[in-house]
Amino acid sequence: MWAYRARDENWRRIYELFKDFWFVLHQKTHPKHTSTFYNRIQLTVLWNYPDEELRRLSTRLIWHAFIWIQINVFFLTLLFALPESVDNIVDLGQDILWMIGTFHMLFKWHFFYFYIDDIDEVINDLDACHCEPKSGPAVAIIRSEQRWFFLMESAQGLAWHVGIILFCVLVVLQPLLTGQKLPFHTVCPFHWHDPSQHPISHVCIYIWQCVFLFYNMACILYTDLFSSHCFAQLAVNLKILFVDRTNEVFYSPLIMQILTAFLMISVSTFEALVARHEPAVAVRFVIFMVLSFFHLFCWCLFGDMVSEPFN
């Protein structure tokens, strides 16, 4: 079986996918690996890919425990702030939207932590199918299809990077554009979130929310990319064994993805309409709605690609 040996965690490896994308696009080379293989490298660089080998490292165990704790703490601070937003429909919808997103993040993190070895098997098998030597009259057609899918997946990933960065920047700048005290409406013990009572702790919470947002959005981006791209790879390298195995591994996150995407699209659309007279507030929800809709569309598109040959 194809083995994953890329343990070099140089930060530059996070852009290795786009280097290969450039060569495939301009020099017509064959991709070295699948996009899912590169997404796994990106998560490994972020120390958020807890496979069996990495779980043996004490530093990784501590880091994964820290990730789990800070996501739960963030969710609780959102929950405690909910009563303050009851009288304002925009603030209430915004808090509910962030809570749905955080719950989705918690589900994804727990799922990948406990099923990461099964996910590894799927990614390794798909990459082996991509990299194995091919011969015969159809090899040119096979290589062409693999290149096309790799370019499509890489372009989608690049577009998602741009959208996520734009969304994160707008969220971080909200306190400067509106009267909001923090990027996210949260309540902390002893009023640490209140700048008038605890200015230093307020700055610390502001920085923590910014770092939390960028780091976890990057992790969610890469996990969702290789989850959806696994089905795109099935479409180009269709083998019934892979289809059954991939469906078995990714069934739960797919159901959760569809459910949370539906909720996030509904709430963000409603919030954008309610806040339409406040462009600085409404634009966040519009971008979030577009990202959620596009992500759901990609899952449906890749699913249709896989199921089409059997119809």
Foldseek 3Di string as FASTA:
>chain_A
DFDDDPQPLDVVLLCVLVVQLVCCVPVVDFRLFAVLSSLLSNCVNLLQQQDPVNVVDPVSVVVLVVLLVVLVVVLVQLVVLQVVCPVPLLLNLQSVLVNLVSVLLNVLSVLCNVCVVLVNVLRRVLRCLSNPDDDDPCPVVLRVLNSVLSNVLVVVLVVVVVLLVVLLVLLLCVVVQDVDLASRRGADPPRLCDCVVNVVSVVVVRVVVSVSSVSSVSNVSSVLSSLLVSLLSCLSVPDVVSVVSSCVSCVVSVVSLVVSLVVLLVSLVVSLVVCVVPVSSNVSSVSSNVSSVVSVVSSVVSVCSNCVVVD
